Amino acid sequence: MKLRVYDADPDRVERIRARCLARLEARRSGGRAGARHASGWRRRLEPALAVGLGALYLADANIRALAACADR
């Protein structure tokens, strides 16, 4: 018994590759001017938001642990 090979048509593979390369080239050439402007504040906001959410999670975990210890 031989397994069937389900491979994409070579023409389709080339079309997909061409589309991907075109999008990558558009990104490199600065096709999105708004993304560069937004990246400055995002660079600071995203880590701050992650730290804030992490701190809230740890605070909640501590509160629940203390509540569990107080019930004993």
C-alpha atoms as a PDB file:
ATOM      1  CA  MET A   1       0.000   0.000   0.000  1.00  0.00           C
ATOM      2  CA  LYS A   2       1.399   3.345  -1.032  1.00  0.00           C
ATOM      3  CA  LEU A   3       0.476   6.645   0.602  1.00  0.00           C
ATOM      4  CA  ARG A   4      -0.828   9.389  -1.626  1.00  0.00           C
ATOM      5  CA  VAL A   5       1.116  12.599  -1.862  1.00  0.00           C
ATOM      6  CA  TYR A   6      -0.981  15.731  -1.533  1.00  0.00           C
ATOM      7  CA  ASP A   7       1.273  18.457  -2.785  1.00  0.00           C
ATOM      8  CA  ALA A   8       0.387  21.843  -4.170  1.00  0.00           C
ATOM      9  CA  ASP A   9       0.624  22.448  -7.873  1.00  0.00           C
ATOM     10  CA  PRO A  10       4.031  23.997  -8.742  1.00  0.00           C
ATOM     11  CA  ASP A  11       2.318  26.964 -10.430  1.00  0.00           C
ATOM     12  CA  ARG A  12       0.298  27.631  -7.296  1.00  0.00           C
ATOM     13  CA  VAL A  13       3.430  27.369  -5.145  1.00  0.00           C
ATOM     14  CA  GLU A  14       5.129  30.004  -7.298  1.00  0.00           C
ATOM     15  CA  ARG A  15       2.112  32.347  -7.120  1.00  0.00           C
ATOM     16  CA  ILE A  16       2.030  32.061  -3.326  1.00  0.00           C
ATOM     17  CA  ARG A  17       5.781  32.618  -3.103  1.00  0.00           C
ATOM     18  CA  ALA A  18       5.525  35.697  -5.329  1.00  0.00           C
ATOM     19  CA  ARG A  19       2.724  37.170  -3.183  1.00  0.00           C
ATOM     20  CA  CYS A  20       4.698  36.568   0.007  1.00  0.00           C
ATOM     21  CA  LEU A  21       7.844  38.126  -1.421  1.00  0.00           C
ATOM     22  CA  ALA A  22       5.868  41.140  -2.654  1.00  0.00           C
ATOM     23  CA  ARG A  23       4.414  41.730   0.827  1.00  0.00           C
ATOM     24  CA  LEU A  24       7.797  41.358   2.484  1.00  0.00           C
ATOM     25  CA  GLU A  25       9.328  43.817   0.035  1.00  0.00           C
ATOM     26  CA  ALA A  26       6.502  46.300   0.663  1.00  0.00           C
ATOM     27  CA  ARG A  27       7.204  46.123   4.406  1.00  0.00           C
ATOM     28  CA  ARG A  28      10.921  46.652   3.906  1.00  0.00           C
ATOM     29  CA  SER A  29      10.429  49.626   1.621  1.00  0.00           C
ATOM     30  CA  GLY A  30       8.254  51.398   4.210  1.00  0.00           C
ATOM     31  CA  GLY A  31       4.889  50.829   2.648  1.00  0.00           C
ATOM     32  CA  ARG A  32       3.245  51.629   5.990  1.00  0.00           C
ATOM     33  CA  ALA A  33       4.238  55.085   7.229  1.00  0.00           C
ATOM     34  CA  GLY A  34       1.651  55.059  10.033  1.00  0.00           C
ATOM     35  CA  ALA A  35       3.115  51.923  11.596  1.00  0.00           C
ATOM     36  CA  ARG A  36       6.479  53.625  12.127  1.00  0.00           C
ATOM     37  CA  HIS A  37       4.858  56.519  13.958  1.00  0.00           C
ATOM     38  CA  ALA A  38       2.781  54.247  16.162  1.00  0.00           C
ATOM     39  CA  SER A  39       5.675  51.956  16.989  1.00  0.00           C
ATOM     40  CA  GLY A  40       7.301  54.622  19.207  1.00  0.00           C
ATOM     41  CA  TRP A  41       4.508  54.717  21.753  1.00  0.00           C
ATOM     42  CA  ARG A  42       3.756  51.010  21.340  1.00  0.00           C
ATOM     43  CA  ARG A  43       7.320  50.202  22.253  1.00  0.00           C
ATOM     44  CA  ARG A  44       6.735  51.760  25.668  1.00  0.00           C
ATOM     45  CA  LEU A  45       3.068  50.908  26.172  1.00  0.00           C
ATOM     46  CA  GLU A  46       3.118  47.181  25.482  1.00  0.00           C
ATOM     47  CA  PRO A  47       5.805  46.264  28.058  1.00  0.00           C
ATOM     48  CA  ALA A  48       4.179  48.557  30.634  1.00  0.00           C
ATOM     49  CA  LEU A  49       0.818  46.895  30.034  1.00  0.00           C
ATOM     50  CA  ALA A  50       2.368  43.429  30.312  1.00  0.00           C
ATOM     51  CA  VAL A  51       4.086  44.335  33.591  1.00  0.00           C
ATOM     52  CA  GLY A  52       0.866  45.839  34.939  1.00  0.00           C
ATOM     53  CA  LEU A  53      -1.186  42.766  34.104  1.00  0.00           C
ATOM     54  CA  GLY A  54       1.501  40.518  35.561  1.00  0.00           C
ATOM     55  CA  ALA A  55       1.499  42.539  38.782  1.00  0.00           C
ATOM     56  CA  LEU A  56      -2.293  42.274  39.014  1.00  0.00           C
ATOM     57  CA  TYR A  57      -2.084  38.513  38.517  1.00  0.00           C
ATOM     58  CA  LEU A  58       0.554  38.123  41.231  1.00  0.00           C
ATOM     59  CA  ALA A  59      -1.384  40.351  43.627  1.00  0.00           C
ATOM     60  CA  ASP A  60      -4.521  38.277  43.097  1.00  0.00           C
ATOM     61  CA  ALA A  61      -2.578  35.050  43.598  1.00  0.00           C
ATOM     62  CA  ASN A  62      -1.151  36.379  46.867  1.00  0.00           C
ATOM     63  CA  ILE A  63      -4.558  37.522  48.098  1.00  0.00           C
ATOM     64  CA  ARG A  64      -6.058  34.094  47.365  1.00  0.00           C
ATOM     65  CA  ALA A  65      -3.129  32.312  49.034  1.00  0.00           C
ATOM     66  CA  LEU A  66      -3.459  34.499  52.141  1.00  0.00           C
ATOM     67  CA  ALA A  67      -7.209  33.894  52.220  1.00  0.00           C
ATOM     68  CA  ALA A  68      -6.646  30.148  51.991  1.00  0.00           C
ATOM     69  CA  CYS A  69      -4.130  30.283  54.859  1.00  0.00           C
ATOM     70  CA  ALA A  70      -6.464  32.426  56.979  1.00  0.00           C
ATOM     71  CA  ASP A  71      -9.283  29.869  56.653  1.00  0.00           C
ATOM     72  CA  ARG A  72      -7.218  27.121  58.317  1.00  0.00           C
END
